Amino acid sequence: MLAALAEVIPAQAVVLRLSRDLQRQPVWLHGLADGMTLAGDLPDAAVRFRENGLCFEADVLRGQKTGFFFDQRENRARVATLAADRRTLNVFAYTGGFSLYAASGGAPEVLSLDLSAPALAAAVRNFELNRHLPAVAAATHTVLAADAFDALAALRERGQRFDLVIVDPPALAKQESEVNGALRAYRRLTHLALGVLEPAGTLVIASCSSRVSGADFYATVEQAAVEAGRPLQPFAHSGHAVDHPIGFAEGAYLKCLFATVR
């Protein structure tokens, strides 16, 4: 495998990342481990790269999945076109991908909310990597390490409001038995997000749960908005980037809704 990879995609290093299910089955691994460098040299776990002109770092040894979620690339780029002069909240921010794009698009203030303090520290570093860009330098970026559900409720209680709210949770249904619970969570997240969204604001909400269909996800979010008395006016439905080809129905796992809200 390594020799074949080297012929097709020459790389400085090849790193093995394993799913949690595999990590729980050491008898299947024959001495291999998650984050192991199989070939080449990787002196620093944080690998820097560019996406649409922005510089990021990804912890390819310990970060979630590969350390960065490339499937949201085109949705992040769309957010940049919507962010000018809009105070922005990025929920489940991870390392700040959507946050940095919002800042580059002219958002004056960006709040990155995530449960993981190390991920938010990486988000801060990603902003520093791009401070040479005038729009990023002008933006005030703050981070909040907290549970998303609790923090959204607390922000509402404090009267904090945003013009652009992005909600990009991790997979909430990893098996069929979890689908109904995931839909309830998307409903609750929609209510909470609308609670901190200004009138005429923009909501961006995504699902990466392959077992939740696009139809069910969009219907749940739109019905939740009606229940909250703030019906949505969707202007875009999108999925993952074109370099994630779909060969089967469940492959269309990523759903993203862009909507204005009264």
C-alpha atoms as a PDB file:
ATOM      1  CA  MET A   1       0.000   0.000   0.000  1.00  0.00           C
ATOM      2  CA  LEU A   2       2.723   2.462   0.934  1.00  0.00           C
ATOM      3  CA  ALA A   3       4.670   1.817  -2.259  1.00  0.00           C
ATOM      4  CA  ALA A   4       1.522   2.303  -4.352  1.00  0.00           C
ATOM      5  CA  LEU A   5       0.680   5.544  -2.548  1.00  0.00           C
ATOM      6  CA  ALA A   6       4.198   6.870  -3.104  1.00  0.00           C
ATOM      7  CA  GLU A   7       3.859   6.267  -6.845  1.00  0.00           C
ATOM      8  CA  VAL A   8       0.474   7.987  -7.138  1.00  0.00           C
ATOM      9  CA  ILE A   9       0.714  10.725  -4.492  1.00  0.00           C
ATOM     10  CA  PRO A  10       4.296  11.467  -3.423  1.00  0.00           C
ATOM     11  CA  ALA A  11       4.136  12.883   0.104  1.00  0.00           C
ATOM     12  CA  GLN A  12       6.443  14.053   2.850  1.00  0.00           C
ATOM     13  CA  ALA A  13       4.786  11.626   5.252  1.00  0.00           C
ATOM     14  CA  VAL A  14       1.968   9.071   5.484  1.00  0.00           C
ATOM     15  CA  VAL A  15      -0.024   9.070   8.737  1.00  0.00           C
ATOM     16  CA  LEU A  16      -2.464   6.354   9.799  1.00  0.00           C
ATOM     17  CA  ARG A  17      -5.729   7.526  11.367  1.00  0.00           C
ATOM     18  CA  LEU A  18      -8.142   4.934  12.756  1.00  0.00           C
ATOM     19  CA  SER A  19     -11.831   5.085  13.582  1.00  0.00           C
ATOM     20  CA  ARG A  20     -12.891   4.740  17.200  1.00  0.00           C
ATOM     21  CA  ASP A  21     -14.390   1.326  16.401  1.00  0.00           C
ATOM     22  CA  LEU A  22     -11.035   0.071  15.156  1.00  0.00           C
ATOM     23  CA  GLN A  23      -9.177   1.535  18.104  1.00  0.00           C
ATOM     24  CA  ARG A  24     -11.406  -0.534  20.381  1.00  0.00           C
ATOM     25  CA  GLN A  25     -10.296  -3.740  18.600  1.00  0.00           C
ATOM     26  CA  PRO A  26      -6.503  -3.963  19.129  1.00  0.00           C
ATOM     27  CA  VAL A  27      -6.495  -7.606  18.049  1.00  0.00           C
ATOM     28  CA  TRP A  28      -7.273  -6.409  14.506  1.00  0.00           C
ATOM     29  CA  LEU A  29      -4.493  -3.806  14.407  1.00  0.00           C
ATOM     30  CA  HIS A  30      -1.346  -5.991  14.428  1.00  0.00           C
ATOM     31  CA  GLY A  31       0.633  -3.376  16.339  1.00  0.00           C
ATOM     32  CA  LEU A  32      -0.628  -0.368  14.393  1.00  0.00           C
ATOM     33  CA  ALA A  33      -1.917   2.672  16.293  1.00  0.00           C
ATOM     34  CA  ASP A  34      -3.890   5.820  15.585  1.00  0.00           C
ATOM     35  CA  GLY A  35      -1.618   8.716  14.609  1.00  0.00           C
ATOM     36  CA  MET A  36       1.287   6.471  13.662  1.00  0.00           C
ATOM     37  CA  THR A  37       3.604   7.862  10.974  1.00  0.00           C
ATOM     38  CA  LEU A  38       3.921   4.968   8.520  1.00  0.00           C
ATOM     39  CA  ALA A  39       6.346   6.574   6.080  1.00  0.00           C
ATOM     40  CA  GLY A  40       8.414   9.712   5.754  1.00  0.00           C
ATOM     41  CA  ASP A  41       9.053  12.363   8.366  1.00  0.00           C
ATOM     42  CA  LEU A  42       6.579  14.575  10.202  1.00  0.00           C
ATOM     43  CA  PRO A  43       8.571  16.796  12.583  1.00  0.00           C
ATOM     44  CA  ASP A  44       5.503  18.809  13.618  1.00  0.00           C
ATOM     45  CA  ALA A  45       1.970  17.451  14.070  1.00  0.00           C
ATOM     46  CA  ALA A  46       0.549  20.810  12.939  1.00  0.00           C
ATOM     47  CA  VAL A  47       0.632  20.840   9.145  1.00  0.00           C
ATOM     48  CA  ARG A  48       0.034  24.207   7.491  1.00  0.00           C
ATOM     49  CA  PHE A  49      -1.880  24.517   4.243  1.00  0.00           C
ATOM     50  CA  ARG A  50      -3.903  27.024   2.218  1.00  0.00           C
ATOM     51  CA  GLU A  51      -7.585  26.917   1.326  1.00  0.00           C
ATOM     52  CA  ASN A  52      -9.030  29.634  -0.913  1.00  0.00           C
ATOM     53  CA  GLY A  53      -6.127  31.893  -0.015  1.00  0.00           C
ATOM     54  CA  LEU A  54      -6.463  31.440   3.754  1.00  0.00           C
ATOM     55  CA  CYS A  55      -3.793  29.710   5.831  1.00  0.00           C
ATOM     56  CA  PHE A  56      -4.729  26.976   8.313  1.00  0.00           C
ATOM     57  CA  GLU A  57      -3.002  24.407  10.452  1.00  0.00           C
ATOM     58  CA  ALA A  58      -4.246  20.864  10.990  1.00  0.00           C
ATOM     59  CA  ASP A  59      -3.118  18.464  13.696  1.00  0.00           C
ATOM     60  CA  VAL A  60      -2.973  15.373  11.514  1.00  0.00           C
ATOM     61  CA  LEU A  61      -1.837  13.137  14.398  1.00  0.00           C
ATOM     62  CA  ARG A  62      -4.415  13.966  17.075  1.00  0.00           C
ATOM     63  CA  GLY A  63      -7.089  16.171  15.497  1.00  0.00           C
ATOM     64  CA  GLN A  64     -10.601  14.964  14.702  1.00  0.00           C
ATOM     65  CA  LYS A  65     -10.593  12.761  11.587  1.00  0.00           C
ATOM     66  CA  THR A  66      -7.710  14.179   9.487  1.00  0.00           C
ATOM     67  CA  GLY A  67      -7.521  17.352  11.580  1.00  0.00           C
ATOM     68  CA  PHE A  68      -9.621  19.478   9.229  1.00  0.00           C
ATOM     69  CA  PHE A  69     -12.990  19.143   7.509  1.00  0.00           C
ATOM     70  CA  PHE A  70     -12.393  19.792   3.825  1.00  0.00           C
ATOM     71  CA  ASP A  71     -15.934  18.779   2.865  1.00  0.00           C
ATOM     72  CA  GLN A  72     -17.214  22.170   4.078  1.00  0.00           C
ATOM     73  CA  ARG A  73     -14.819  24.156   1.875  1.00  0.00           C
ATOM     74  CA  GLU A  74     -17.442  25.550  -0.511  1.00  0.00           C
ATOM     75  CA  ASN A  75     -19.905  26.290   2.308  1.00  0.00           C
ATOM     76  CA  ARG A  76     -17.186  28.207   4.149  1.00  0.00           C
ATOM     77  CA  ALA A  77     -16.526  30.230   0.995  1.00  0.00           C
ATOM     78  CA  ARG A  78     -20.231  31.081   0.758  1.00  0.00           C
ATOM     79  CA  VAL A  79     -20.199  32.260   4.377  1.00  0.00           C
ATOM     80  CA  ALA A  80     -17.411  34.700   3.512  1.00  0.00           C
ATOM     81  CA  THR A  81     -19.705  36.345   0.950  1.00  0.00           C
ATOM     82  CA  LEU A  82     -22.430  36.813   3.602  1.00  0.00           C
ATOM     83  CA  ALA A  83     -20.377  38.095   6.520  1.00  0.00           C
ATOM     84  CA  ALA A  84     -19.640  41.751   5.719  1.00  0.00           C
ATOM     85  CA  ASP A  85     -20.576  43.995   8.663  1.00  0.00           C
ATOM     86  CA  ARG A  86     -22.281  41.085  10.450  1.00  0.00           C
ATOM     87  CA  ARG A  87     -21.522  40.039  14.004  1.00  0.00           C
ATOM     88  CA  THR A  88     -20.980  36.299  13.657  1.00  0.00           C
ATOM     89  CA  LEU A  89     -21.404  33.311  15.972  1.00  0.00           C
ATOM     90  CA  ASN A  90     -19.850  30.005  14.943  1.00  0.00           C
ATOM     91  CA  VAL A  91     -21.267  27.102  16.985  1.00  0.00           C
ATOM     92  CA  PHE A  92     -19.305  23.819  17.069  1.00  0.00           C
ATOM     93  CA  ALA A  93     -16.460  25.932  15.698  1.00  0.00           C
ATOM     94  CA  TYR A  94     -13.712  23.303  16.071  1.00  0.00           C
ATOM     95  CA  THR A  95     -10.527  25.017  14.774  1.00  0.00           C
ATOM     96  CA  GLY A  96     -12.391  28.041  13.455  1.00  0.00           C
ATOM     97  CA  GLY A  97     -12.803  27.333   9.747  1.00  0.00           C
ATOM     98  CA  PHE A  98     -16.130  29.132   9.347  1.00  0.00           C
ATOM     99  CA  SER A  99     -14.970  31.806  11.814  1.00  0.00           C
ATOM    100  CA  LEU A 100     -11.907  32.714   9.787  1.00  0.00           C
ATOM    101  CA  TYR A 101     -13.863  32.812   6.543  1.00  0.00           C
ATOM    102  CA  ALA A 102     -16.419  35.123   8.175  1.00  0.00           C
ATOM    103  CA  ALA A 103     -13.658  37.446   9.336  1.00  0.00           C
ATOM    104  CA  SER A 104     -12.050  37.443   5.890  1.00  0.00           C
ATOM    105  CA  GLY A 105     -15.439  38.408   4.464  1.00  0.00           C
ATOM    106  CA  GLY A 106     -15.706  41.475   6.672  1.00  0.00           C
ATOM    107  CA  ALA A 107     -17.359  40.314   9.899  1.00  0.00           C
ATOM    108  CA  PRO A 108     -16.338  42.890  12.544  1.00  0.00           C
ATOM    109  CA  GLU A 109     -16.792  40.468  15.473  1.00  0.00           C
ATOM    110  CA  VAL A 110     -16.623  36.669  15.515  1.00  0.00           C
ATOM    111  CA  LEU A 111     -17.330  34.368  18.454  1.00  0.00           C
ATOM    112  CA  SER A 112     -16.131  30.762  18.137  1.00  0.00           C
ATOM    113  CA  LEU A 113     -18.001  28.352  20.444  1.00  0.00           C
ATOM    114  CA  ASP A 114     -16.830  24.782  21.002  1.00  0.00           C
ATOM    115  CA  LEU A 115     -16.532  22.312  23.861  1.00  0.00           C
ATOM    116  CA  SER A 116     -12.847  21.635  23.085  1.00  0.00           C
ATOM    117  CA  ALA A 117     -10.370  24.160  24.480  1.00  0.00           C
ATOM    118  CA  PRO A 118      -7.478  22.698  22.383  1.00  0.00           C
ATOM    119  CA  ALA A 119      -9.551  23.091  19.203  1.00  0.00           C
ATOM    120  CA  LEU A 120     -10.295  26.711  20.088  1.00  0.00           C
ATOM    121  CA  ALA A 121      -6.595  27.318  20.771  1.00  0.00           C
ATOM    122  CA  ALA A 122      -5.969  26.126  17.212  1.00  0.00           C
ATOM    123  CA  ALA A 123      -8.683  28.535  16.013  1.00  0.00           C
ATOM    124  CA  VAL A 124      -6.805  31.392  17.673  1.00  0.00           C
ATOM    125  CA  ARG A 125      -3.599  30.304  15.935  1.00  0.00           C
ATOM    126  CA  ASN A 126      -5.400  30.112  12.585  1.00  0.00           C
ATOM    127  CA  PHE A 127      -6.475  33.735  13.010  1.00  0.00           C
ATOM    128  CA  GLU A 128      -2.904  34.724  13.824  1.00  0.00           C
ATOM    129  CA  LEU A 129      -1.694  33.008  10.653  1.00  0.00           C
ATOM    130  CA  ASN A 130      -3.925  35.358   8.662  1.00  0.00           C
ATOM    131  CA  ARG A 131      -3.530  38.663  10.509  1.00  0.00           C
ATOM    132  CA  HIS A 132      -1.694  40.047   7.470  1.00  0.00           C
ATOM    133  CA  LEU A 133      -5.089  40.196   5.739  1.00  0.00           C
ATOM    134  CA  PRO A 134      -6.717  43.570   6.484  1.00  0.00           C
ATOM    135  CA  ALA A 135     -10.208  42.147   7.068  1.00  0.00           C
ATOM    136  CA  VAL A 136      -8.916  39.493   9.487  1.00  0.00           C
ATOM    137  CA  ALA A 137      -6.727  42.035  11.287  1.00  0.00           C
ATOM    138  CA  ALA A 138      -9.758  44.296  11.735  1.00  0.00           C
ATOM    139  CA  ALA A 139     -11.984  41.546  13.158  1.00  0.00           C
ATOM    140  CA  THR A 140     -12.331  40.910  16.881  1.00  0.00           C
ATOM    141  CA  HIS A 141     -12.184  37.144  17.444  1.00  0.00           C
ATOM    142  CA  THR A 142     -13.157  35.649  20.797  1.00  0.00           C
ATOM    143  CA  VAL A 143     -13.551  32.022  21.841  1.00  0.00           C
ATOM    144  CA  LEU A 144     -15.867  30.299  24.294  1.00  0.00           C
ATOM    145  CA  ALA A 145     -15.176  26.750  25.509  1.00  0.00           C
ATOM    146  CA  ALA A 146     -18.559  25.394  26.570  1.00  0.00           C
ATOM    147  CA  ASP A 147     -21.346  22.976  25.740  1.00  0.00           C
ATOM    148  CA  ALA A 148     -23.141  24.389  22.698  1.00  0.00           C
ATOM    149  CA  PHE A 149     -26.665  23.836  24.019  1.00  0.00           C
ATOM    150  CA  ASP A 150     -25.931  25.404  27.411  1.00  0.00           C
ATOM    151  CA  ALA A 151     -23.922  28.277  25.947  1.00  0.00           C
ATOM    152  CA  LEU A 152     -26.581  29.220  23.391  1.00  0.00           C
ATOM    153  CA  ALA A 153     -29.184  29.384  26.144  1.00  0.00           C
ATOM    154  CA  ALA A 154     -26.847  31.501  28.283  1.00  0.00           C
ATOM    155  CA  LEU A 155     -26.063  33.894  25.423  1.00  0.00           C
ATOM    156  CA  ARG A 156     -29.770  34.410  24.876  1.00  0.00           C
ATOM    157  CA  GLU A 157     -30.346  35.082  28.568  1.00  0.00           C
ATOM    158  CA  ARG A 158     -27.580  37.701  28.503  1.00  0.00           C
ATOM    159  CA  GLY A 159     -29.200  39.381  25.510  1.00  0.00           C
ATOM    160  CA  GLN A 160     -26.327  38.739  23.120  1.00  0.00           C
ATOM    161  CA  ARG A 161     -27.422  38.765  19.497  1.00  0.00           C
ATOM    162  CA  PHE A 162     -25.688  38.085  16.198  1.00  0.00           C
ATOM    163  CA  ASP A 163     -26.397  38.908  12.562  1.00  0.00           C
ATOM    164  CA  LEU A 164     -24.992  35.615  11.256  1.00  0.00           C
ATOM    165  CA  VAL A 165     -25.203  32.316  13.152  1.00  0.00           C
ATOM    166  CA  ILE A 166     -23.477  29.154  11.892  1.00  0.00           C
ATOM    167  CA  VAL A 167     -24.322  25.778  13.452  1.00  0.00           C
ATOM    168  CA  ASP A 168     -22.184  22.863  12.239  1.00  0.00           C
ATOM    169  CA  PRO A 169     -22.506  19.990  14.746  1.00  0.00           C
ATOM    170  CA  PRO A 170     -20.678  16.664  14.540  1.00  0.00           C
ATOM    171  CA  ALA A 171     -22.566  13.576  13.385  1.00  0.00           C
ATOM    172  CA  LEU A 172     -25.510  13.139  15.733  1.00  0.00           C
ATOM    173  CA  ALA A 173     -26.732   9.808  14.322  1.00  0.00           C
ATOM    174  CA  LYS A 174     -24.029   7.218  13.747  1.00  0.00           C
ATOM    175  CA  GLN A 175     -26.548   4.368  13.609  1.00  0.00           C
ATOM    176  CA  GLU A 176     -30.178   4.030  12.582  1.00  0.00           C
ATOM    177  CA  SER A 177     -31.444   3.863  16.166  1.00  0.00           C
ATOM    178  CA  GLU A 178     -30.087   7.377  16.782  1.00  0.00           C
ATOM    179  CA  VAL A 179     -31.932   9.134  13.936  1.00  0.00           C
ATOM    180  CA  ASN A 180     -34.942  10.298  15.958  1.00  0.00           C
ATOM    181  CA  GLY A 181     -32.699  11.633  18.712  1.00  0.00           C
ATOM    182  CA  ALA A 182     -30.609  13.482  16.123  1.00  0.00           C
ATOM    183  CA  LEU A 183     -33.709  15.116  14.635  1.00  0.00           C
ATOM    184  CA  ARG A 184     -34.745  16.251  18.114  1.00  0.00           C
ATOM    185  CA  ALA A 185     -31.277  17.723  18.609  1.00  0.00           C
ATOM    186  CA  TYR A 186     -31.435  19.596  15.276  1.00  0.00           C
ATOM    187  CA  ARG A 187     -34.849  20.943  16.302  1.00  0.00           C
ATOM    188  CA  ARG A 188     -33.479  22.152  19.636  1.00  0.00           C
ATOM    189  CA  LEU A 189     -30.363  23.662  18.035  1.00  0.00           C
ATOM    190  CA  THR A 190     -32.560  25.571  15.593  1.00  0.00           C
ATOM    191  CA  HIS A 191     -34.627  27.019  18.455  1.00  0.00           C
ATOM    192  CA  LEU A 192     -31.485  27.991  20.355  1.00  0.00           C
ATOM    193  CA  ALA A 193     -29.759  29.511  17.316  1.00  0.00           C
ATOM    194  CA  LEU A 194     -32.805  31.609  16.460  1.00  0.00           C
ATOM    195  CA  GLY A 195     -32.843  32.810  20.057  1.00  0.00           C
ATOM    196  CA  VAL A 196     -29.568  34.674  19.488  1.00  0.00           C
ATOM    197  CA  LEU A 197     -30.160  35.726  15.865  1.00  0.00           C
ATOM    198  CA  GLU A 198     -31.057  39.318  15.080  1.00  0.00           C
ATOM    199  CA  PRO A 199     -34.138  40.124  12.949  1.00  0.00           C
ATOM    200  CA  ALA A 200     -33.277  39.854   9.254  1.00  0.00           C
ATOM    201  CA  GLY A 201     -30.275  37.760  10.257  1.00  0.00           C
ATOM    202  CA  THR A 202     -28.835  34.765   8.419  1.00  0.00           C
ATOM    203  CA  LEU A 203     -28.824  31.198   9.741  1.00  0.00           C
ATOM    204  CA  VAL A 204     -26.425  28.574   8.368  1.00  0.00           C
ATOM    205  CA  ILE A 205     -27.067  25.110   9.792  1.00  0.00           C
ATOM    206  CA  ALA A 206     -25.557  21.805   8.675  1.00  0.00           C
ATOM    207  CA  SER A 207     -25.835  18.068   9.279  1.00  0.00           C
ATOM    208  CA  CYS A 208     -23.120  15.513   8.546  1.00  0.00           C
ATOM    209  CA  SER A 209     -25.197  12.537   9.753  1.00  0.00           C
ATOM    210  CA  SER A 210     -25.436  10.170   6.777  1.00  0.00           C
ATOM    211  CA  ARG A 211     -28.423   8.359   8.294  1.00  0.00           C
ATOM    212  CA  VAL A 212     -30.463  11.586   8.457  1.00  0.00           C
ATOM    213  CA  SER A 213     -31.846  12.326   5.001  1.00  0.00           C
ATOM    214  CA  GLY A 214     -31.704  15.787   3.518  1.00  0.00           C
ATOM    215  CA  ALA A 215     -35.499  15.907   3.330  1.00  0.00           C
ATOM    216  CA  ASP A 216     -35.879  15.057   7.028  1.00  0.00           C
ATOM    217  CA  PHE A 217     -33.148  17.481   8.108  1.00  0.00           C
ATOM    218  CA  TYR A 218     -34.483  20.451   6.145  1.00  0.00           C
ATOM    219  CA  ALA A 219     -38.067  19.738   7.187  1.00  0.00           C
ATOM    220  CA  THR A 220     -37.076  19.497  10.856  1.00  0.00           C
ATOM    221  CA  VAL A 221     -35.141  22.773  10.805  1.00  0.00           C
ATOM    222  CA  GLU A 222     -37.856  24.674   8.940  1.00  0.00           C
ATOM    223  CA  GLN A 223     -40.626  23.323  11.195  1.00  0.00           C
ATOM    224  CA  ALA A 224     -38.617  24.258  14.293  1.00  0.00           C
ATOM    225  CA  ALA A 225     -38.302  27.805  12.977  1.00  0.00           C
ATOM    226  CA  VAL A 226     -42.067  27.990  12.476  1.00  0.00           C
ATOM    227  CA  GLU A 227     -42.575  26.754  16.038  1.00  0.00           C
ATOM    228  CA  ALA A 228     -40.234  29.489  17.255  1.00  0.00           C
ATOM    229  CA  GLY A 229     -42.309  32.091  15.428  1.00  0.00           C
ATOM    230  CA  ARG A 230     -39.426  32.908  13.077  1.00  0.00           C
ATOM    231  CA  PRO A 231     -40.018  31.123   9.775  1.00  0.00           C
ATOM    232  CA  LEU A 232     -37.039  30.719   7.483  1.00  0.00           C
ATOM    233  CA  GLN A 233     -36.583  32.049   3.984  1.00  0.00           C
ATOM    234  CA  PRO A 234     -34.066  29.538   2.556  1.00  0.00           C
ATOM    235  CA  PHE A 235     -31.892  30.795  -0.265  1.00  0.00           C
ATOM    236  CA  ALA A 236     -29.486  27.864  -0.651  1.00  0.00           C
ATOM    237  CA  HIS A 237     -29.259  24.134   0.061  1.00  0.00           C
ATOM    238  CA  SER A 238     -25.831  22.616  -0.443  1.00  0.00           C
ATOM    239  CA  GLY A 239     -23.720  19.571   0.315  1.00  0.00           C
ATOM    240  CA  HIS A 240     -20.077  18.663   0.408  1.00  0.00           C
ATOM    241  CA  ALA A 241     -17.440  19.839  -2.030  1.00  0.00           C
ATOM    242  CA  VAL A 242     -17.067  18.285  -5.474  1.00  0.00           C
ATOM    243  CA  ASP A 243     -13.982  16.289  -4.457  1.00  0.00           C
ATOM    244  CA  HIS A 244     -16.253  14.086  -2.311  1.00  0.00           C
ATOM    245  CA  PRO A 245     -17.955  12.114  -5.128  1.00  0.00           C
ATOM    246  CA  ILE A 246     -21.183  10.259  -4.361  1.00  0.00           C
ATOM    247  CA  GLY A 247     -21.514   6.649  -5.499  1.00  0.00           C
ATOM    248  CA  PHE A 248     -24.426   5.650  -3.245  1.00  0.00           C
ATOM    249  CA  ALA A 249     -27.331   7.460  -1.576  1.00  0.00           C
ATOM    250  CA  GLU A 250     -25.815   7.511   1.911  1.00  0.00           C
ATOM    251  CA  GLY A 251     -22.711   9.124   0.447  1.00  0.00           C
ATOM    252  CA  ALA A 252     -24.609  12.423   0.327  1.00  0.00           C
ATOM    253  CA  TYR A 253     -24.090  12.789   4.058  1.00  0.00           C
ATOM    254  CA  LEU A 254     -23.542  16.557   4.281  1.00  0.00           C
ATOM    255  CA  LYS A 255     -26.540  18.882   4.166  1.00  0.00           C
ATOM    256  CA  CYS A 256     -26.276  22.633   4.670  1.00  0.00           C
ATOM    257  CA  LEU A 257     -29.128  25.172   4.776  1.00  0.00           C
ATOM    258  CA  PHE A 258     -28.675  28.909   4.248  1.00  0.00           C
ATOM    259  CA  ALA A 259     -31.663  31.051   5.189  1.00  0.00           C
ATOM    260  CA  THR A 260     -32.665  34.559   6.161  1.00  0.00           C
ATOM    261  CA  VAL A 261     -34.882  34.873   9.220  1.00  0.00           C
ATOM    262  CA  ARG A 262     -37.478  37.501  10.065  1.00  0.00           C
END
